[in-house]
Amino acid sequence: MSKPLHRPTLVVVIGILGFMLAVAFNTNTRLHGAQPDRASDLATVVHNMEAQRGDLEVRLADLRDQVAELEEVAASEQGIRDTFTNEIEAARLAAGLTGIEGPGVQVVLGDGSDVAPGTDPNLYLIHDSDIAAVVNALFVGGAEAIDVNGERVVATTPIRCAGTTVLVNAKRLGGPYTVSAVGNSDALYDAVISDPAAGLLFESYRAQFGLDVSVIKLSEVEVSAYRGSFRPTYAVQAEDGDA
């Protein structure tokens, strides 16, 4: 960021101020060192010096006013910069571009290990729909930030099947899947357990297919920053007045 334009002016004004003070000092010194031959010459010198001193005092007062004005401008610009910085940080936080920590829950989703003969093996696996159900339930419960195996979930995050793995933010993830969420731990826990889709994982599916799933409340949960891109493919900024 470039330096504010008023700073060089402030330096010049302060330099002029010092110069004026030096001139005033030297003028008084010359007055005391002068030895005129006649009283009339001394009176003239004194009169001239007093006039110069009056002019210098006026100019000094003007320079002090300018310095005060520049200081006010500097303080105002600093306030604007601080406000702008705070707004940028808030926007980065809301967009998921910074890692955060706080109370919350941690949900672990693992495959079942014992496949009963004659049953569909897919029933014993954690699928992308299971992870999506948990993530949606957490957001409904008021989660402020969520990641899956360290991949931050944002508005554009896809969660879909990719063979034997799950794709999150264009990154292949393997089980077990750890979903970390920051928010009110009690509300998040209840949201997951009571959700019509996610709740089945911890009730009937765990008992029926031996899924290794759990949800625990924690006083400190870390959620990673989003490392992907936000570049839209089709979206453009709407013109003023468009719906």
Protein backbone atom coordinates (compact mmCIF):
# COMPACT_ATOMS: atom_id res chain seq x y z
CA MET A 1 0.00 0.00 0.00
CA SER A 2 1.37 3.44 -0.97
CA LYS A 3 2.09 6.03 1.72
CA PRO A 4 -0.46 8.85 2.19
CA LEU A 5 0.30 11.91 0.08
CA HIS A 6 0.10 14.30 3.04
CA ARG A 7 3.25 12.98 4.74
CA PRO A 8 5.80 14.69 2.47
CA THR A 9 3.87 17.96 2.90
CA LEU A 10 3.95 17.53 6.66
CA VAL A 11 7.73 17.06 6.55
CA VAL A 12 8.15 20.22 4.46
CA VAL A 13 5.94 22.26 6.79
CA ILE A 14 7.85 21.09 9.87
CA GLY A 15 11.13 21.94 8.09
CA ILE A 16 9.89 25.46 7.30
CA LEU A 17 8.74 25.82 10.89
CA GLY A 18 12.22 24.98 12.15
CA PHE A 19 13.76 27.38 9.65
CA MET A 20 11.52 30.23 10.83
CA LEU A 21 12.42 29.58 14.45
CA ALA A 22 16.10 29.63 13.55
CA VAL A 23 15.69 32.94 11.69
CA ALA A 24 13.91 34.47 14.66
CA PHE A 25 16.68 33.32 16.98
CA ASN A 26 19.44 34.65 14.74
CA THR A 27 17.61 37.96 14.35
CA ASN A 28 17.44 38.47 18.11
CA THR A 29 21.10 37.51 18.40
CA ARG A 30 22.07 40.14 15.83
CA LEU A 31 20.00 42.70 17.70
CA HIS A 32 21.85 42.09 20.93
CA GLY A 33 25.21 42.16 19.15
CA ALA A 34 24.61 45.41 17.25
CA GLN A 35 26.54 48.50 18.44
CA PRO A 36 25.17 51.50 16.47
CA ASP A 37 26.99 54.79 16.75
CA ARG A 38 23.92 56.88 17.34
CA ALA A 39 20.68 56.41 19.28
CA SER A 40 18.58 57.06 16.18
CA ASP A 41 20.26 54.17 14.37
CA LEU A 42 19.51 51.88 17.33
CA ALA A 43 15.84 52.93 17.36
CA THR A 44 15.55 52.18 13.66
CA VAL A 45 17.15 48.78 14.08
CA VAL A 46 14.84 47.96 16.99
CA HIS A 47 11.78 49.08 15.04
CA ASN A 48 12.73 46.95 12.02
CA MET A 49 13.49 43.92 14.14
CA GLU A 50 10.16 44.21 15.97
CA ALA A 51 8.34 44.39 12.66
CA GLN A 52 10.18 41.31 11.39
CA ARG A 53 9.43 39.51 14.62
CA GLY A 54 5.72 40.30 14.27
CA ASP A 55 5.70 38.92 10.72
CA LEU A 56 7.48 35.78 11.87
CA GLU A 57 4.98 35.23 14.66
CA VAL A 58 2.09 35.49 12.19
CA ARG A 59 3.76 33.08 9.77
CA LEU A 60 4.59 30.72 12.65
CA ALA A 61 0.94 30.73 13.75
CA ASP A 62 -0.15 29.95 10.18
CA LEU A 63 2.31 27.08 9.94
CA ARG A 64 1.11 25.66 13.24
CA ASP A 65 -2.48 25.77 11.95
CA GLN A 66 -1.41 23.92 8.80
CA VAL A 67 0.37 21.28 10.88
CA ALA A 68 -2.75 20.83 13.03
CA GLU A 69 -4.92 20.41 9.93
CA LEU A 70 -2.54 17.85 8.45
CA GLU A 71 -2.51 15.96 11.74
CA GLU A 72 -6.32 15.82 11.66
CA VAL A 73 -6.24 14.53 8.08
CA ALA A 74 -3.66 11.90 9.04
CA ALA A 75 -5.80 10.77 11.97
CA SER A 76 -8.88 10.58 9.76
CA GLU A 77 -7.08 8.57 7.09
CA GLN A 78 -5.72 6.22 9.73
CA GLY A 79 -9.26 5.67 10.97
CA ILE A 80 -10.43 4.92 7.43
CA ARG A 81 -7.57 2.48 6.92
CA ASP A 82 -8.35 0.72 10.21
CA THR A 83 -12.03 0.45 9.30
CA PHE A 84 -11.19 -0.86 5.83
CA THR A 85 -8.75 -3.42 7.26
CA ASN A 86 -11.34 -4.64 9.76
CA GLU A 87 -13.95 -5.01 7.02
CA ILE A 88 -11.52 -6.96 4.84
CA GLU A 89 -10.67 -9.30 7.72
CA ALA A 90 -14.38 -9.82 8.45
CA ALA A 91 -15.00 -10.62 4.77
CA ARG A 92 -12.08 -13.08 4.70
CA LEU A 93 -13.41 -14.76 7.81
CA ALA A 94 -16.93 -15.05 6.36
CA ALA A 95 -15.56 -16.42 3.07
CA GLY A 96 -13.57 -19.08 4.88
CA LEU A 97 -10.16 -17.76 3.84
CA THR A 98 -8.79 -17.86 7.38
CA GLY A 99 -8.47 -20.80 9.72
CA ILE A 100 -10.51 -20.48 12.90
CA GLU A 101 -10.93 -22.24 16.21
CA GLY A 102 -13.55 -22.39 18.91
CA PRO A 103 -16.01 -24.72 20.62
CA GLY A 104 -17.91 -27.18 18.48
CA VAL A 105 -18.23 -30.83 17.53
CA GLN A 106 -16.24 -33.45 15.69
CA VAL A 107 -18.04 -36.09 13.64
CA VAL A 108 -16.16 -39.23 12.54
CA LEU A 109 -17.62 -41.32 9.71
CA GLY A 110 -15.99 -44.69 9.04
CA ASP A 111 -16.96 -47.75 6.98
CA GLY A 112 -18.29 -50.93 8.54
CA SER A 113 -15.75 -53.75 8.79
CA ASP A 114 -17.92 -56.91 8.74
CA VAL A 115 -20.02 -57.41 5.63
CA ALA A 116 -22.73 -59.99 6.14
CA PRO A 117 -22.85 -62.71 3.50
CA GLY A 118 -25.32 -62.08 0.71
CA THR A 119 -25.71 -58.37 1.45
CA ASP A 120 -24.74 -55.36 -0.62
CA PRO A 121 -21.21 -54.20 0.38
CA ASN A 122 -22.14 -50.62 -0.46
CA LEU A 123 -24.45 -50.56 2.55
CA TYR A 124 -21.39 -50.84 4.78
CA LEU A 125 -19.60 -47.86 3.25
CA ILE A 126 -19.72 -44.12 3.96
CA HIS A 127 -20.90 -42.30 0.85
CA ASP A 128 -20.80 -38.68 -0.30
CA SER A 129 -24.50 -38.36 0.55
CA ASP A 130 -23.76 -39.33 4.16
CA ILE A 131 -21.08 -36.65 4.49
CA ALA A 132 -23.32 -34.08 2.80
CA ALA A 133 -26.15 -34.95 5.19
CA VAL A 134 -23.90 -34.35 8.21
CA VAL A 135 -22.54 -31.08 6.79
CA ASN A 136 -26.05 -29.81 6.02
CA ALA A 137 -27.27 -30.72 9.50
CA LEU A 138 -24.34 -28.87 11.08
CA PHE A 139 -25.06 -25.73 9.05
CA VAL A 140 -28.72 -25.94 10.04
CA GLY A 141 -27.55 -26.20 13.66
CA GLY A 142 -25.67 -22.92 13.34
CA ALA A 143 -22.13 -24.02 12.46
CA GLU A 144 -19.92 -21.03 11.71
CA ALA A 145 -17.22 -23.06 9.94
CA ILE A 146 -16.86 -26.67 8.79
CA ASP A 147 -14.13 -28.75 7.23
CA VAL A 148 -13.91 -32.38 6.09
CA ASN A 149 -10.51 -33.98 6.59
CA GLY A 150 -9.01 -30.48 6.57
CA GLU A 151 -10.90 -29.30 3.45
CA ARG A 152 -12.93 -26.17 4.29
CA VAL A 153 -16.55 -26.30 3.22
CA VAL A 154 -17.71 -23.05 1.57
CA ALA A 155 -20.70 -22.06 -0.56
CA THR A 156 -19.16 -23.52 -3.74
CA THR A 157 -17.79 -26.73 -2.19
CA PRO A 158 -18.86 -29.92 -4.01
CA ILE A 159 -19.20 -33.16 -2.04
CA ARG A 160 -19.57 -36.07 -4.42
CA CYS A 161 -18.48 -39.63 -4.99
CA ALA A 162 -15.24 -40.28 -6.87
CA GLY A 163 -14.85 -44.05 -7.16
CA THR A 164 -13.90 -45.47 -3.79
CA THR A 165 -13.17 -41.99 -2.44
CA VAL A 166 -15.11 -38.77 -1.91
CA LEU A 167 -14.32 -35.53 -3.72
CA VAL A 168 -14.36 -32.35 -1.60
CA ASN A 169 -13.13 -29.09 -3.17
CA ALA A 170 -11.65 -31.09 -6.08
CA LYS A 171 -9.55 -33.09 -3.62
CA ARG A 172 -9.95 -36.84 -3.20
CA LEU A 173 -10.47 -37.87 0.40
CA GLY A 174 -10.40 -41.35 1.87
CA GLY A 175 -12.16 -42.62 4.97
CA PRO A 176 -12.55 -42.34 7.80
CA TYR A 177 -13.94 -38.86 7.29
CA THR A 178 -13.61 -36.34 10.10
CA VAL A 179 -16.06 -33.46 9.95
CA SER A 180 -15.06 -30.59 12.26
CA ALA A 181 -17.46 -27.75 13.01
CA VAL A 182 -17.18 -24.59 15.12
CA GLY A 183 -20.27 -23.27 16.85
CA ASN A 184 -22.49 -23.93 19.85
CA SER A 185 -21.52 -27.52 20.68
CA ASP A 186 -24.88 -28.45 22.23
CA ALA A 187 -26.85 -27.08 19.27
CA LEU A 188 -24.56 -28.75 16.73
CA TYR A 189 -24.73 -32.10 18.50
CA ASP A 190 -28.51 -32.03 18.67
CA ALA A 191 -28.75 -30.93 15.02
CA VAL A 192 -26.75 -33.93 13.80
CA ILE A 193 -28.44 -36.54 15.99
CA SER A 194 -31.98 -35.30 15.27
CA ASP A 195 -31.53 -34.74 11.52
CA PRO A 196 -33.74 -37.13 9.50
CA ALA A 197 -30.89 -38.14 7.19
CA ALA A 198 -27.72 -37.73 9.30
CA GLY A 199 -29.34 -39.18 12.41
CA LEU A 200 -29.78 -42.57 10.72
CA LEU A 201 -25.99 -42.99 10.62
CA PHE A 202 -25.76 -42.92 14.40
CA GLU A 203 -28.85 -44.96 15.08
CA SER A 204 -30.04 -47.71 12.76
CA TYR A 205 -27.13 -47.75 10.28
CA ARG A 206 -24.46 -48.03 12.98
CA ALA A 207 -26.27 -50.94 14.57
CA GLN A 208 -27.32 -52.60 11.32
CA PHE A 209 -24.18 -52.23 9.20
CA GLY A 210 -21.51 -51.70 11.85
CA LEU A 211 -20.57 -48.21 10.67
CA ASP A 212 -17.75 -46.68 12.72
CA VAL A 213 -19.45 -43.34 13.38
CA SER A 214 -19.42 -40.95 16.32
CA VAL A 215 -20.12 -37.34 17.24
CA ILE A 216 -18.52 -35.65 20.23
CA LYS A 217 -18.64 -32.18 21.74
CA LEU A 218 -15.33 -30.35 22.14
CA SER A 219 -14.33 -27.12 23.86
CA GLU A 220 -11.76 -26.42 21.14
CA VAL A 221 -12.10 -27.31 17.47
CA GLU A 222 -9.82 -26.15 14.66
CA VAL A 223 -11.18 -25.59 11.16
CA SER A 224 -8.80 -25.08 8.24
CA ALA A 225 -8.85 -22.17 5.79
CA TYR A 226 -10.26 -22.61 2.30
CA ARG A 227 -7.42 -23.08 -0.19
CA GLY A 228 -9.38 -23.22 -3.43
CA SER A 229 -10.50 -20.60 -5.94
CA PHE A 230 -13.62 -18.43 -5.96
CA ARG A 231 -13.45 -17.56 -9.67
CA PRO A 232 -16.98 -17.85 -11.11
CA THR A 233 -17.55 -19.36 -14.53
CA TYR A 234 -20.97 -17.94 -15.38
CA ALA A 235 -21.77 -15.40 -12.67
CA VAL A 236 -21.17 -11.70 -13.33
CA GLN A 237 -21.95 -8.60 -11.30
CA ALA A 238 -25.50 -7.36 -11.86
CA GLU A 239 -26.03 -3.77 -13.01
CA ASP A 240 -27.70 -1.31 -10.63
CA GLY A 241 -31.45 -1.76 -10.59
CA ASP A 242 -31.43 -5.33 -11.93
CA ALA A 243 -33.26 -7.93 -9.89
